[in-house]
Amino acid sequence: MNKVKLDNIIFGDSAIPFIGGPCVIESRDHCFGIAEKITEITSKLNIPFVFKSSFDKANRTSISSFRGDGLDAGLKILEEIKNNFNIPVTTDIHLPEHANAVSDVVDIIQIPAFLCRQTDLLVAAAQTGKVVNVKKGQFLSPYKVENIINKLEESGNKNILITERGNTFGFDSLVTDLKSIPIMQSFGYPVIFDATHSAQIPGNHESKTGGNRQFIPSQTFAAVSSGANGIFMEVHDDVDNALSDASTQWPINKLEKILTSIIAFRETYLSHG
C-alpha cells in the first residue's frame, strides 16, 4: 500500500491520524475554539491531527438548513486556523471551479460521498496536486472505488485517501461493512474510517438527517481492528445545538477519552494480531 505523506503526517504508516472538527463553519470563534481544544488533546496523545470543517454544506436535507458562510469567508477562517495552530486543514468541494481556490489554503481536498463519481470534480481536485480524500458513496460497492482511484491517477495524482462512511440499507439506515476497508486498501491507498457519518440515519422522514451517536465508539474500534489507516470524526462543543449533523457529531468533552481508548485498543489488538 502506498503511503501518503502530508508534511510530518504519514497515512498508511504505524500512526493513526485523526481528521476532525465541526461539520460546518458556524463562526470564526467557534472554529478556533474547537481547533484549539482538539490540538491540545491530540498533542497530548501524540496523534497526528488534520482540522476539518466545511465552508458550504451543499447537500443539506432541507433548503432552509444552515449551509455556512461560503467559499471566501470559509477559506479565510481555515487559513487563519492553519497558520495560528500550525496544523494542516481540509475541507470539501462541490464544484470543479472550487478546486484551485481551495488548494491555495487546504492540505487535503475532500470529495463528498454523494459526488464521489463526478469525473470533472475528481479531475479538478487531482490536478491541484494536493492530497485528495474521497468519501466512498453510500450507494457504492467498495470494489467500484478502483474506478475512482483510476480517475485520480490518470489525472496525475497519486496522493489519494479513501474514506469509508457506510452504505445505504433499505430506506432509513446506514450499515458499515468493514470488509470494505481491506478491499479498498487492496487498490493501493490508505483508507480512513468516518466514525460520525457512519452513524447517520439519513432517511428518517424529517427535514434533517438523524443518527445514532451511541454506536460511534464500537464502530470505530471495529474499523481499527479491520485496519483503518486513520479516523475521521466531526466534533462539536454543543452537539444538541450544532447547526449541521447534530445527531452524530461527537462531544468535544468526550474526545480525549475516545481517542485514548482507540489508541489503547489498537495497541492491544496489534500486539496480539
Protein backbone atom coordinates (compact mmCIF):
# COMPACT_ATOMS: atom_id res chain seq x y z
CA MET A 1 0.00 0.00 0.00
CA ASN A 2 1.27 3.47 -0.91
CA LYS A 3 1.97 5.80 1.97
CA VAL A 4 0.51 9.28 1.62
CA LYS A 5 2.67 11.99 3.16
CA LEU A 6 1.41 15.34 4.40
CA ASP A 7 4.25 17.32 5.99
CA ASN A 8 5.14 15.23 9.05
CA ILE A 9 1.95 13.13 8.87
CA ILE A 10 2.03 9.79 7.09
CA PHE A 11 -1.15 7.93 6.22
CA GLY A 12 -0.52 4.21 5.87
CA ASP A 13 2.24 4.07 8.45
CA SER A 14 2.18 2.93 12.09
CA ALA A 15 0.36 6.04 13.34
CA ILE A 16 -3.40 6.51 13.04
CA PRO A 17 -4.01 10.17 12.15
CA PHE A 18 -7.16 11.98 13.27
CA ILE A 19 -9.17 14.21 10.92
CA GLY A 20 -11.71 16.21 12.87
CA GLY A 21 -13.58 19.43 13.55
CA PRO A 22 -17.11 20.83 13.39
CA CYS A 23 -19.27 19.70 10.49
CA VAL A 24 -19.74 23.23 9.17
CA ILE A 25 -18.02 26.52 9.91
CA GLU A 26 -20.55 28.13 12.24
CA SER A 27 -18.35 31.13 13.10
CA ARG A 28 -14.69 32.07 13.32
CA ASP A 29 -14.66 31.98 17.11
CA HIS A 30 -16.40 28.61 17.24
CA CYS A 31 -13.94 27.03 14.81
CA PHE A 32 -10.98 28.49 16.66
CA GLY A 33 -12.23 27.13 19.97
CA ILE A 34 -12.72 23.63 18.56
CA ALA A 35 -9.36 23.67 16.77
CA GLU A 36 -7.56 24.79 19.93
CA LYS A 37 -9.11 22.05 22.06
CA ILE A 38 -8.52 19.25 19.56
CA THR A 39 -4.93 20.41 19.06
CA GLU A 40 -4.36 20.23 22.82
CA ILE A 41 -5.83 16.73 23.03
CA THR A 42 -4.06 15.26 20.01
CA SER A 43 -0.73 16.83 21.03
CA LYS A 44 -1.09 15.30 24.49
CA LEU A 45 -1.83 11.87 22.99
CA ASN A 46 0.76 12.24 20.20
CA ILE A 47 -1.85 11.75 17.48
CA PRO A 48 -1.30 13.40 14.07
CA PHE A 49 -4.15 15.86 13.52
CA VAL A 50 -5.79 17.47 10.48
CA PHE A 51 -8.51 20.05 11.15
CA LYS A 52 -11.71 19.73 9.10
CA SER A 53 -14.73 21.94 8.62
CA SER A 54 -16.94 22.82 5.65
CA PHE A 55 -17.44 26.29 4.19
CA ASP A 56 -20.64 25.13 2.49
CA LYS A 57 -22.94 22.17 3.18
CA ALA A 58 -24.44 21.92 -0.28
CA ASN A 59 -26.34 18.66 0.33
CA ARG A 60 -28.50 19.60 3.32
CA THR A 61 -31.82 17.77 3.57
CA SER A 62 -33.86 20.99 3.76
CA ILE A 63 -33.44 24.14 1.66
CA SER A 64 -33.82 26.15 4.87
CA SER A 65 -30.93 24.40 6.68
CA PHE A 66 -27.78 26.33 7.54
CA ARG A 67 -25.11 25.83 4.87
CA GLY A 68 -22.21 28.01 6.01
CA ASP A 69 -20.80 31.41 5.07
CA GLY A 70 -19.43 30.40 1.69
CA LEU A 71 -16.10 29.93 -0.04
CA ASP A 72 -14.25 33.18 0.61
CA ALA A 73 -15.20 33.61 4.27
CA GLY A 74 -14.69 29.92 4.99
CA LEU A 75 -11.25 29.73 3.41
CA LYS A 76 -10.14 32.81 5.33
CA ILE A 77 -11.07 31.11 8.62
CA LEU A 78 -9.40 27.83 7.63
CA GLU A 79 -6.22 29.70 6.64
CA GLU A 80 -6.16 31.50 9.99
CA ILE A 81 -6.57 28.20 11.86
CA LYS A 82 -3.83 26.59 9.79
CA ASN A 83 -1.38 29.39 10.50
CA ASN A 84 -2.37 30.02 14.12
CA PHE A 85 -2.14 26.41 15.28
CA ASN A 86 0.44 25.22 12.73
CA ILE A 87 -1.77 22.30 11.67
CA PRO A 88 -2.90 21.04 8.26
CA VAL A 89 -6.52 21.65 7.28
CA THR A 90 -9.05 20.05 4.97
CA THR A 91 -12.44 20.93 3.54
CA ASP A 92 -14.77 19.59 0.88
CA ILE A 93 -15.53 20.94 -2.58
CA HIS A 94 -18.73 20.57 -4.58
CA LEU A 95 -17.83 22.17 -7.89
CA PRO A 96 -14.72 21.81 -10.12
CA GLU A 97 -14.19 25.58 -10.03
CA HIS A 98 -13.71 25.38 -6.25
CA ALA A 99 -10.58 23.24 -6.58
CA ASN A 100 -7.90 25.83 -7.33
CA ALA A 101 -9.11 28.39 -4.79
CA VAL A 102 -9.38 25.75 -2.07
CA SER A 103 -5.98 24.27 -2.91
CA ASP A 104 -4.34 27.63 -2.13
CA VAL A 105 -5.29 27.10 1.53
CA VAL A 106 -6.01 23.48 2.40
CA ASP A 107 -3.69 20.49 2.57
CA ILE A 108 -6.30 17.84 1.74
CA ILE A 109 -9.20 18.33 -0.67
CA GLN A 110 -12.20 16.25 0.36
CA ILE A 111 -14.70 14.90 -2.15
CA PRO A 112 -18.18 14.40 -0.64
CA ALA A 113 -19.71 10.92 -0.75
CA PHE A 114 -22.63 11.91 -2.97
CA LEU A 115 -20.15 13.34 -5.52
CA CYS A 116 -17.52 10.60 -5.46
CA ARG A 117 -18.16 9.51 -9.08
CA GLN A 118 -18.22 13.03 -10.57
CA THR A 119 -15.37 12.89 -13.06
CA ASP A 120 -14.91 16.64 -13.56
CA LEU A 121 -14.76 17.19 -9.79
CA LEU A 122 -12.22 14.40 -9.29
CA VAL A 123 -10.05 15.59 -12.16
CA ALA A 124 -10.06 19.19 -10.92
CA ALA A 125 -9.11 18.11 -7.41
CA ALA A 126 -6.39 15.77 -8.65
CA GLN A 127 -4.81 18.41 -10.88
CA THR A 128 -4.14 20.68 -7.92
CA GLY A 129 -1.52 18.19 -6.72
CA LYS A 130 -2.99 18.21 -3.22
CA VAL A 131 -3.86 15.10 -1.25
CA VAL A 132 -7.38 14.10 -2.32
CA ASN A 133 -9.61 12.31 0.18
CA VAL A 134 -12.66 10.72 -1.47
CA LYS A 135 -15.61 9.71 0.67
CA LYS A 136 -16.98 6.44 -0.72
CA GLY A 137 -20.61 6.95 -1.70
CA GLN A 138 -23.34 5.36 0.40
CA PHE A 139 -24.58 3.80 -2.84
CA LEU A 140 -21.25 2.34 -3.95
CA SER A 141 -19.62 -1.08 -3.64
CA PRO A 142 -16.05 -0.91 -2.30
CA TYR A 143 -14.91 -2.67 -5.48
CA LYS A 144 -16.11 0.30 -7.55
CA VAL A 145 -13.68 2.58 -5.72
CA GLU A 146 -10.94 1.30 -8.03
CA ASN A 147 -12.58 3.30 -10.83
CA ILE A 148 -12.41 6.45 -8.69
CA ILE A 149 -8.74 5.84 -8.00
CA ASN A 150 -8.08 5.35 -11.71
CA LYS A 151 -9.64 8.74 -12.47
CA LEU A 152 -7.37 10.44 -9.95
CA GLU A 153 -4.25 8.60 -11.10
CA GLU A 154 -4.99 9.30 -14.77
CA SER A 155 -5.25 12.96 -13.80
CA GLY A 156 -1.69 12.86 -12.47
CA ASN A 157 -2.28 12.47 -8.73
CA LYS A 158 -1.27 9.55 -6.52
CA ASN A 159 -1.76 11.36 -3.21
CA ILE A 160 -5.02 9.57 -2.55
CA LEU A 161 -7.06 8.71 0.54
CA ILE A 162 -10.37 6.83 0.55
CA THR A 163 -12.89 7.19 3.37
CA GLU A 164 -15.42 4.55 4.40
CA ARG A 165 -18.70 6.03 5.70
CA GLY A 166 -21.27 3.25 5.48
CA ASN A 167 -23.72 2.02 2.86
CA THR A 168 -27.43 2.64 2.44
CA PHE A 169 -29.51 -0.20 3.88
CA GLY A 170 -33.19 -0.06 2.97
CA PHE A 171 -34.66 3.41 3.16
CA ASP A 172 -33.67 4.72 6.56
CA SER A 173 -30.31 3.45 7.76
CA LEU A 174 -26.63 3.01 7.02
CA VAL A 175 -24.64 -0.16 7.59
CA THR A 176 -20.86 -0.29 7.64
CA ASP A 177 -19.44 -3.41 6.03
CA LEU A 178 -15.94 -3.44 7.48
CA LYS A 179 -14.72 -5.76 4.74
CA SER A 180 -14.74 -2.56 2.70
CA ILE A 181 -11.59 -1.35 4.45
CA PRO A 182 -9.22 -4.14 3.32
CA ILE A 183 -10.99 -4.37 -0.04
CA MET A 184 -10.33 -0.69 -0.77
CA GLN A 185 -6.80 -0.90 0.65
CA SER A 186 -6.07 -3.59 -1.94
CA PHE A 187 -6.24 -0.87 -4.60
CA GLY A 188 -3.08 0.64 -3.13
CA TYR A 189 -4.05 3.54 -0.90
CA PRO A 190 -4.83 4.24 2.79
CA VAL A 191 -8.42 4.03 3.99
CA ILE A 192 -9.89 6.34 6.63
CA PHE A 193 -12.94 5.46 8.72
CA ASP A 194 -15.59 8.14 9.07
CA ALA A 195 -16.88 7.40 12.55
CA THR A 196 -19.61 10.02 12.72
CA HIS A 197 -21.26 9.90 9.28
CA SER A 198 -21.37 6.10 9.52
CA ALA A 199 -23.77 6.52 12.44
CA GLN A 200 -26.30 8.57 10.45
CA ILE A 201 -29.93 7.69 9.75
CA PRO A 202 -30.38 9.64 6.52
CA GLY A 203 -33.93 8.59 5.69
CA ASN A 204 -35.72 9.43 8.92
CA HIS A 205 -38.68 11.20 7.25
CA GLU A 206 -37.74 14.55 8.79
CA SER A 207 -36.22 17.75 7.45
CA LYS A 208 -32.78 16.82 8.81
CA THR A 209 -30.63 13.73 8.99
CA GLY A 210 -30.81 11.70 12.20
CA GLY A 211 -28.31 9.34 13.73
CA ASN A 212 -27.16 7.02 16.48
CA ARG A 213 -24.24 8.69 18.24
CA GLN A 214 -24.06 5.92 20.86
CA PHE A 215 -22.75 3.43 18.29
CA ILE A 216 -19.75 5.55 17.26
CA PRO A 217 -17.22 4.02 19.73
CA SER A 218 -17.97 0.38 18.90
CA GLN A 219 -17.95 1.05 15.15
CA THR A 220 -14.64 2.88 15.47
CA PHE A 221 -13.00 0.03 17.39
CA ALA A 222 -14.25 -2.41 14.74
CA ALA A 223 -12.80 -0.22 11.98
CA VAL A 224 -9.46 -0.01 13.77
CA SER A 225 -9.35 -3.80 14.10
CA SER A 226 -10.15 -4.00 10.38
CA GLY A 227 -7.02 -2.00 9.60
CA ALA A 228 -8.23 1.57 9.12
CA ASN A 229 -5.36 3.98 8.45
CA GLY A 230 -6.98 6.98 10.13
CA ILE A 231 -10.11 8.20 11.88
CA PHE A 232 -12.44 10.96 10.67
CA MET A 233 -14.78 12.38 13.28
CA GLU A 234 -16.85 15.55 13.36
CA VAL A 235 -16.62 17.20 16.78
CA HIS A 236 -18.68 19.90 18.48
CA ASP A 237 -18.84 21.60 21.88
CA ASP A 238 -22.67 21.69 21.97
CA VAL A 239 -23.88 18.78 19.87
CA ASP A 240 -27.58 19.26 20.55
CA ASN A 241 -27.44 22.76 19.08
CA ALA A 242 -24.98 22.11 16.25
CA LEU A 243 -26.10 23.74 13.00
CA SER A 244 -25.41 20.58 10.98
CA ASP A 245 -25.38 16.84 11.81
CA ALA A 246 -26.32 17.47 15.43
CA SER A 247 -27.25 13.83 16.00
CA THR A 248 -23.87 12.39 15.09
CA GLN A 249 -21.16 14.92 15.90
CA TRP A 250 -19.01 13.75 18.81
CA PRO A 251 -18.98 15.88 22.01
CA ILE A 252 -15.60 17.50 22.41
CA ASN A 253 -15.65 16.90 26.16
CA LYS A 254 -15.60 13.17 25.39
CA LEU A 255 -12.96 13.33 22.65
CA GLU A 256 -9.87 12.65 24.76
CA LYS A 257 -11.49 9.59 26.30
CA ILE A 258 -12.47 8.00 22.99
CA LEU A 259 -9.11 8.77 21.36
CA THR A 260 -7.28 7.30 24.35
CA SER A 261 -9.44 4.18 24.07
CA ILE A 262 -8.81 3.93 20.32
CA ILE A 263 -5.05 4.07 20.84
CA ALA A 264 -5.14 1.50 23.64
CA PHE A 265 -7.42 -0.79 21.64
CA ARG A 266 -5.20 -0.54 18.57
CA GLU A 267 -2.03 -1.26 20.52
CA THR A 268 -3.62 -4.24 22.25
CA TYR A 269 -5.09 -5.58 19.04
CA LEU A 270 -1.84 -5.24 17.09
CA SER A 271 0.24 -6.80 19.86
CA HIS A 272 -1.94 -9.91 19.73
CA GLY A 273 -2.50 -9.97 16.00
